[in-house]
C-alpha cells in the first residue's frame, strides 16, 4: 500500500514525451498495439507496482504447487522477516565495552 501511495504522491507528469504522440503514431502505422513497443516495457518497469505478495502464476501452476493462500504467503514472509531481523541499537564500541564488563550470554547476532 505504501508503494502505491508513494507513486500517487509523485503525480502524473504531462509533457510531449509522456503524451507519447510518436508512440501513438508508431502503433497506428505499425503493429496496431502497444505490447511490443519499447516504451510499454519501460513504463511497466517504472510506473507499475508489482506487490511482493501478488501471485502471478496461472491457476494451474498455483494448484500444482500446493494452492498456498495469500494468508499463508504473508505469514511465511513475516516469519522470514522476523527470523532475520536483529535491531542494531548499540554501536559496536559500546557493545564491546558492555560485554567486557558484564557476563552477557546473548550473541551479537541475536
N, C-alpha and C. Protein backbone atom coordinates (compact mmCIF):
# COMPACT_ATOMS: atom_id res chain seq x y z
N UNK A 1 0.81 -1.18 0.00
CA UNK A 1 0.00 0.00 0.00
C UNK A 1 0.87 1.26 0.00
N UNK A 2 1.94 1.24 0.79
CA UNK A 2 2.79 2.43 0.84
C UNK A 2 3.44 2.71 -0.51
N UNK A 3 3.75 1.65 -1.26
CA UNK A 3 4.32 1.85 -2.59
C UNK A 3 3.36 2.57 -3.51
N UNK A 4 2.08 2.20 -3.43
CA UNK A 4 1.07 2.88 -4.23
C UNK A 4 0.92 4.33 -3.82
N UNK A 5 0.95 4.58 -2.53
CA UNK A 5 0.83 5.96 -2.03
C UNK A 5 2.00 6.80 -2.51
N UNK A 6 3.21 6.26 -2.39
CA UNK A 6 4.39 7.00 -2.85
C UNK A 6 4.30 7.28 -4.35
N UNK A 7 3.78 6.32 -5.11
CA UNK A 7 3.64 6.53 -6.55
C UNK A 7 2.62 7.63 -6.83
N UNK A 8 1.52 7.66 -6.08
CA UNK A 8 0.50 8.69 -6.27
C UNK A 8 1.02 10.07 -5.91
N UNK A 9 1.81 10.15 -4.85
CA UNK A 9 2.37 11.44 -4.43
C UNK A 9 3.28 12.00 -5.52
N UNK A 10 3.96 11.11 -6.23
CA UNK A 10 4.84 11.53 -7.32
C UNK A 10 4.07 12.30 -8.39
N UNK A 11 2.81 11.97 -8.57
CA UNK A 11 1.98 12.67 -9.54
C UNK A 11 2.14 12.13 -10.95
N UNK A 12 1.41 12.76 -11.86
CA UNK A 12 1.44 12.37 -13.26
C UNK A 12 2.15 13.46 -14.05
N UNK A 13 3.21 13.07 -14.69
CA UNK A 13 3.99 14.02 -15.49
C UNK A 13 3.34 14.16 -16.86
N UNK A 14 3.07 15.39 -17.26
CA UNK A 14 2.45 15.63 -18.57
C UNK A 14 3.38 16.52 -19.39
N UNK A 15 3.96 15.91 -20.43
CA UNK A 15 4.82 16.64 -21.37
C UNK A 15 4.77 15.90 -22.71
N UNK A 16 5.49 16.39 -23.68
CA UNK A 16 5.46 15.76 -25.01
C UNK A 16 5.86 14.29 -24.95
N UNK A 17 6.87 13.99 -24.12
CA UNK A 17 7.32 12.60 -24.03
C UNK A 17 6.26 11.71 -23.38
N UNK A 18 5.66 12.18 -22.29
CA UNK A 18 4.67 11.34 -21.60
C UNK A 18 3.37 11.22 -22.38
N UNK A 19 3.05 12.21 -23.20
CA UNK A 19 1.85 12.12 -24.04
C UNK A 19 2.05 11.14 -25.19
N UNK A 20 3.29 10.89 -25.54
CA UNK A 20 3.68 9.82 -26.46
C UNK A 20 3.06 9.90 -27.85
N UNK A 21 3.00 11.07 -28.41
CA UNK A 21 2.45 11.21 -29.76
C UNK A 21 3.20 10.35 -30.77
N UNK A 22 4.53 10.30 -30.62
CA UNK A 22 5.32 9.49 -31.56
C UNK A 22 5.03 8.00 -31.40
N UNK A 23 4.78 7.57 -30.17
CA UNK A 23 4.45 6.16 -29.93
C UNK A 23 3.08 5.83 -30.52
N UNK A 24 2.13 6.73 -30.33
CA UNK A 24 0.80 6.53 -30.92
C UNK A 24 0.93 6.38 -32.43
N UNK A 25 1.73 7.23 -33.03
CA UNK A 25 1.96 7.16 -34.48
C UNK A 25 2.57 5.81 -34.86
N UNK A 26 3.58 5.37 -34.10
CA UNK A 26 4.21 4.07 -34.37
C UNK A 26 3.19 2.93 -34.32
N UNK A 27 2.32 2.98 -33.33
CA UNK A 27 1.33 1.91 -33.15
C UNK A 27 0.27 1.94 -34.25
N UNK A 28 -0.22 3.13 -34.56
CA UNK A 28 -1.26 3.26 -35.59
C UNK A 28 -0.76 2.75 -36.93
N UNK A 29 0.47 3.10 -37.28
CA UNK A 29 1.02 2.71 -38.58
C UNK A 29 1.90 1.46 -38.50
N UNK A 30 1.92 0.83 -37.34
CA UNK A 30 2.73 -0.38 -37.16
C UNK A 30 1.87 -1.59 -36.83
N UNK A 31 2.19 -2.23 -35.71
CA UNK A 31 1.51 -3.47 -35.31
C UNK A 31 0.05 -3.28 -34.88
N UNK A 32 -0.32 -2.07 -34.52
CA UNK A 32 -1.69 -1.83 -34.09
C UNK A 32 -1.92 -2.06 -32.60
N UNK A 33 -0.84 -2.33 -31.86
CA UNK A 33 -0.96 -2.49 -30.41
C UNK A 33 0.35 -2.03 -29.75
N UNK A 34 0.27 -1.80 -28.46
CA UNK A 34 1.40 -1.25 -27.71
C UNK A 34 2.29 -2.33 -27.09
N UNK A 35 1.86 -3.56 -27.08
CA UNK A 35 2.56 -4.60 -26.33
C UNK A 35 4.02 -4.78 -26.71
N UNK A 36 4.35 -4.65 -27.98
CA UNK A 36 5.74 -4.85 -28.39
C UNK A 36 6.54 -3.56 -28.45
N UNK A 37 5.91 -2.45 -28.15
CA UNK A 37 6.62 -1.17 -28.24
C UNK A 37 7.57 -1.04 -27.04
N UNK A 38 8.83 -0.61 -27.25
CA UNK A 38 9.79 -0.48 -26.16
C UNK A 38 9.30 0.42 -25.01
N UNK A 39 8.53 1.45 -25.34
CA UNK A 39 8.06 2.34 -24.28
C UNK A 39 7.12 1.61 -23.31
N UNK A 40 6.37 0.65 -23.80
CA UNK A 40 5.45 -0.10 -22.94
C UNK A 40 6.23 -0.83 -21.85
N UNK A 41 7.30 -1.51 -22.24
CA UNK A 41 8.13 -2.23 -21.27
C UNK A 41 8.76 -1.24 -20.29
N UNK A 42 9.28 -0.16 -20.80
CA UNK A 42 9.91 0.86 -19.95
C UNK A 42 8.91 1.39 -18.91
N UNK A 43 7.71 1.70 -19.34
CA UNK A 43 6.70 2.22 -18.41
C UNK A 43 6.23 1.15 -17.43
N UNK A 44 6.16 -0.09 -17.86
CA UNK A 44 5.78 -1.17 -16.94
C UNK A 44 6.80 -1.30 -15.82
N UNK A 45 8.07 -1.07 -16.13
CA UNK A 45 9.13 -1.20 -15.13
C UNK A 45 9.19 0.00 -14.19
N UNK A 46 8.74 1.17 -14.65
CA UNK A 46 8.86 2.37 -13.81
C UNK A 46 7.55 2.85 -13.22
N UNK A 47 6.43 2.57 -13.87
CA UNK A 47 5.16 3.14 -13.45
C UNK A 47 4.21 2.14 -12.79
N UNK A 48 4.47 0.86 -12.94
CA UNK A 48 3.56 -0.13 -12.39
C UNK A 48 4.20 -0.80 -11.19
N UNK A 49 3.46 -0.89 -10.10
CA UNK A 49 3.97 -1.51 -8.88
C UNK A 49 3.52 -2.97 -8.82
N UNK A 50 4.47 -3.87 -8.73
CA UNK A 50 4.17 -5.28 -8.57
C UNK A 50 4.29 -5.62 -7.09
N UNK A 51 3.19 -5.84 -6.39
CA UNK A 51 3.25 -6.14 -4.96
C UNK A 51 4.04 -7.42 -4.68
N UNK A 52 4.76 -7.43 -3.57
CA UNK A 52 5.58 -8.59 -3.20
C UNK A 52 4.75 -9.86 -3.07
N UNK A 53 3.55 -9.73 -2.55
CA UNK A 53 2.74 -10.92 -2.31
C UNK A 53 1.83 -11.29 -3.47
N UNK A 54 1.84 -10.52 -4.52
CA UNK A 54 0.99 -10.84 -5.67
C UNK A 54 1.46 -12.14 -6.29
N UNK A 55 0.54 -13.00 -6.60
CA UNK A 55 0.86 -14.29 -7.20
C UNK A 55 0.54 -14.21 -8.68
N UNK A 56 1.55 -14.23 -9.51
CA UNK A 56 1.35 -14.04 -10.94
C UNK A 56 1.37 -15.37 -11.70
N UNK A 57 1.29 -16.48 -10.96
CA UNK A 57 1.24 -17.79 -11.61
C UNK A 57 -0.15 -18.03 -12.19
N UNK A 58 -0.23 -18.96 -13.12
CA UNK A 58 -1.54 -19.37 -13.63
C UNK A 58 -2.23 -20.20 -12.55
N UNK A 59 -3.54 -20.35 -12.68
CA UNK A 59 -4.29 -21.16 -11.71
C UNK A 59 -3.74 -22.58 -11.68
N UNK A 60 -3.41 -23.11 -12.84
CA UNK A 60 -2.88 -24.47 -12.91
C UNK A 60 -1.55 -24.58 -12.16
N UNK A 61 -0.65 -23.62 -12.36
CA UNK A 61 0.63 -23.62 -11.65
C UNK A 61 0.41 -23.51 -10.14
N UNK A 62 -0.50 -22.63 -9.73
CA UNK A 62 -0.81 -22.44 -8.32
C UNK A 62 -1.33 -23.74 -7.70
N UNK A 63 -2.24 -24.41 -8.40
CA UNK A 63 -2.78 -25.68 -7.90
C UNK A 63 -1.70 -26.75 -7.85
N UNK A 64 -0.87 -26.84 -8.88
CA UNK A 64 0.20 -27.83 -8.93
C UNK A 64 1.23 -27.62 -7.83
N UNK A 65 1.36 -26.38 -7.36
CA UNK A 65 2.36 -26.06 -6.34
C UNK A 65 1.75 -25.96 -4.94
N UNK A 66 0.58 -26.55 -4.75
CA UNK A 66 0.03 -26.66 -3.40
C UNK A 66 -1.08 -25.71 -3.01
N UNK A 67 -1.51 -24.83 -3.89
CA UNK A 67 -2.62 -23.90 -3.62
C UNK A 67 -2.44 -23.10 -2.32
N UNK A 68 -1.25 -22.59 -2.10
CA UNK A 68 -0.96 -21.82 -0.89
C UNK A 68 -1.73 -20.50 -0.93
N UNK A 69 -2.43 -20.19 0.16
CA UNK A 69 -3.25 -18.97 0.21
C UNK A 69 -2.38 -17.73 0.40
N UNK A 70 -2.95 -16.57 0.11
CA UNK A 70 -2.25 -15.30 0.30
C UNK A 70 -1.91 -15.11 1.78
N UNK A 71 -2.78 -15.59 2.66
CA UNK A 71 -2.52 -15.53 4.10
C UNK A 71 -1.27 -16.33 4.43
N UNK A 72 -1.18 -17.54 3.89
CA UNK A 72 0.00 -18.39 4.15
C UNK A 72 1.27 -17.75 3.61
N UNK A 73 1.19 -17.15 2.42
CA UNK A 73 2.36 -16.47 1.84
C UNK A 73 2.79 -15.30 2.72
N UNK A 74 1.82 -14.51 3.20
CA UNK A 74 2.13 -13.37 4.06
C UNK A 74 2.74 -13.84 5.37
N UNK A 75 2.18 -14.91 5.93
CA UNK A 75 2.70 -15.44 7.20
C UNK A 75 4.13 -15.95 7.02
N UNK A 76 4.38 -16.62 5.92
CA UNK A 76 5.72 -17.12 5.60
C UNK A 76 6.72 -15.96 5.47
N UNK A 77 6.30 -14.92 4.77
CA UNK A 77 7.16 -13.75 4.59
C UNK A 77 7.45 -13.08 5.93
N UNK A 78 6.42 -12.93 6.76
CA UNK A 78 6.59 -12.33 8.08
C UNK A 78 7.55 -13.15 8.93
N UNK A 79 7.39 -14.46 8.94
CA UNK A 79 8.29 -15.32 9.72
C UNK A 79 9.73 -15.15 9.26
N UNK A 80 9.94 -15.07 7.95
CA UNK A 80 11.29 -14.87 7.43
C UNK A 80 11.87 -13.53 7.85
N UNK A 81 11.03 -12.50 7.82
CA UNK A 81 11.50 -11.17 8.24
C UNK A 81 11.85 -11.16 9.72
N UNK A 82 11.01 -11.77 10.53
CA UNK A 82 11.25 -11.79 11.98
C UNK A 82 12.46 -12.65 12.34
N UNK A 83 12.65 -13.74 11.61
CA UNK A 83 13.78 -14.63 11.88
C UNK A 83 15.11 -13.93 11.59
N UNK A 84 15.14 -13.12 10.56
CA UNK A 84 16.38 -12.48 10.13
C UNK A 84 16.56 -11.06 10.64
N UNK A 85 15.61 -10.59 11.45
CA UNK A 85 15.68 -9.21 11.92
C UNK A 85 16.40 -9.15 13.26
N UNK A 86 17.39 -8.32 13.34
CA UNK A 86 18.06 -8.07 14.61
C UNK A 86 18.42 -6.59 14.64
N UNK A 87 17.73 -5.82 15.49
CA UNK A 87 17.99 -4.38 15.53
C UNK A 87 19.39 -4.08 16.03
N UNK A 88 19.98 -3.07 15.52
CA UNK A 88 21.33 -2.66 15.88
C UNK A 88 21.26 -1.31 16.58
N UNK A 89 20.79 -1.35 17.83
CA UNK A 89 20.59 -0.11 18.57
C UNK A 89 21.87 0.40 19.22
N UNK A 90 22.78 -0.50 19.48
CA UNK A 90 24.00 -0.13 20.20
C UNK A 90 25.18 -0.25 19.24
N UNK A 91 25.97 0.81 19.15
CA UNK A 91 27.13 0.75 18.25
C UNK A 91 28.13 -0.27 18.77
N UNK A 92 28.99 -0.75 17.90
CA UNK A 92 29.90 -1.86 18.23
C UNK A 92 30.86 -1.55 19.36
N UNK A 93 31.36 -0.32 19.45
CA UNK A 93 32.30 0.02 20.54
C UNK A 93 31.61 -0.06 21.90
N UNK A 94 30.40 0.47 21.98
CA UNK A 94 29.64 0.42 23.24
C UNK A 94 29.30 -1.02 23.59
N UNK A 95 28.92 -1.81 22.58
CA UNK A 95 28.60 -3.22 22.80
C UNK A 95 29.80 -3.96 23.37
N UNK A 96 30.97 -3.75 22.80
CA UNK A 96 32.19 -4.40 23.29
C UNK A 96 32.48 -4.01 24.74
N UNK A 97 32.31 -2.73 25.05
CA UNK A 97 32.57 -2.25 26.41
C UNK A 97 31.60 -2.91 27.40
N UNK A 98 30.34 -2.99 27.04
CA UNK A 98 29.34 -3.63 27.92
C UNK A 98 29.69 -5.10 28.09
N UNK A 99 30.03 -5.79 27.00
CA UNK A 99 30.34 -7.22 27.07
C UNK A 99 31.62 -7.49 27.87
N UNK A 100 32.54 -6.56 27.86
CA UNK A 100 33.77 -6.77 28.63
C UNK A 100 33.54 -6.56 30.14
N UNK A 101 32.49 -5.84 30.50
CA UNK A 101 32.22 -5.55 31.91
C UNK A 101 31.11 -6.41 32.52
N UNK A 102 30.32 -7.08 31.68
CA UNK A 102 29.20 -7.87 32.19
C UNK A 102 29.15 -9.22 31.48
N UNK A 103 28.65 -10.24 32.19
CA UNK A 103 28.59 -11.58 31.58
C UNK A 103 27.37 -11.73 30.64
N UNK A 104 27.44 -11.11 29.49
CA UNK A 104 26.36 -11.16 28.51
C UNK A 104 26.41 -12.51 27.79
N UNK A 105 25.30 -13.23 27.79
CA UNK A 105 25.25 -14.54 27.14
C UNK A 105 24.62 -14.49 25.75
N UNK A 106 23.92 -13.42 25.44
CA UNK A 106 23.28 -13.25 24.14
C UNK A 106 24.34 -12.92 23.10
N UNK A 107 24.31 -13.64 21.98
CA UNK A 107 25.30 -13.36 20.93
C UNK A 107 25.04 -11.99 20.31
N UNK A 108 26.03 -11.45 19.65
CA UNK A 108 25.89 -10.15 19.00
C UNK A 108 24.86 -10.20 17.88
N UNK A 109 24.71 -11.35 17.26
CA UNK A 109 23.79 -11.51 16.13
C UNK A 109 22.36 -11.75 16.58
N UNK A 110 22.12 -11.95 17.84
CA UNK A 110 20.75 -12.20 18.31
C UNK A 110 20.66 -13.58 18.78
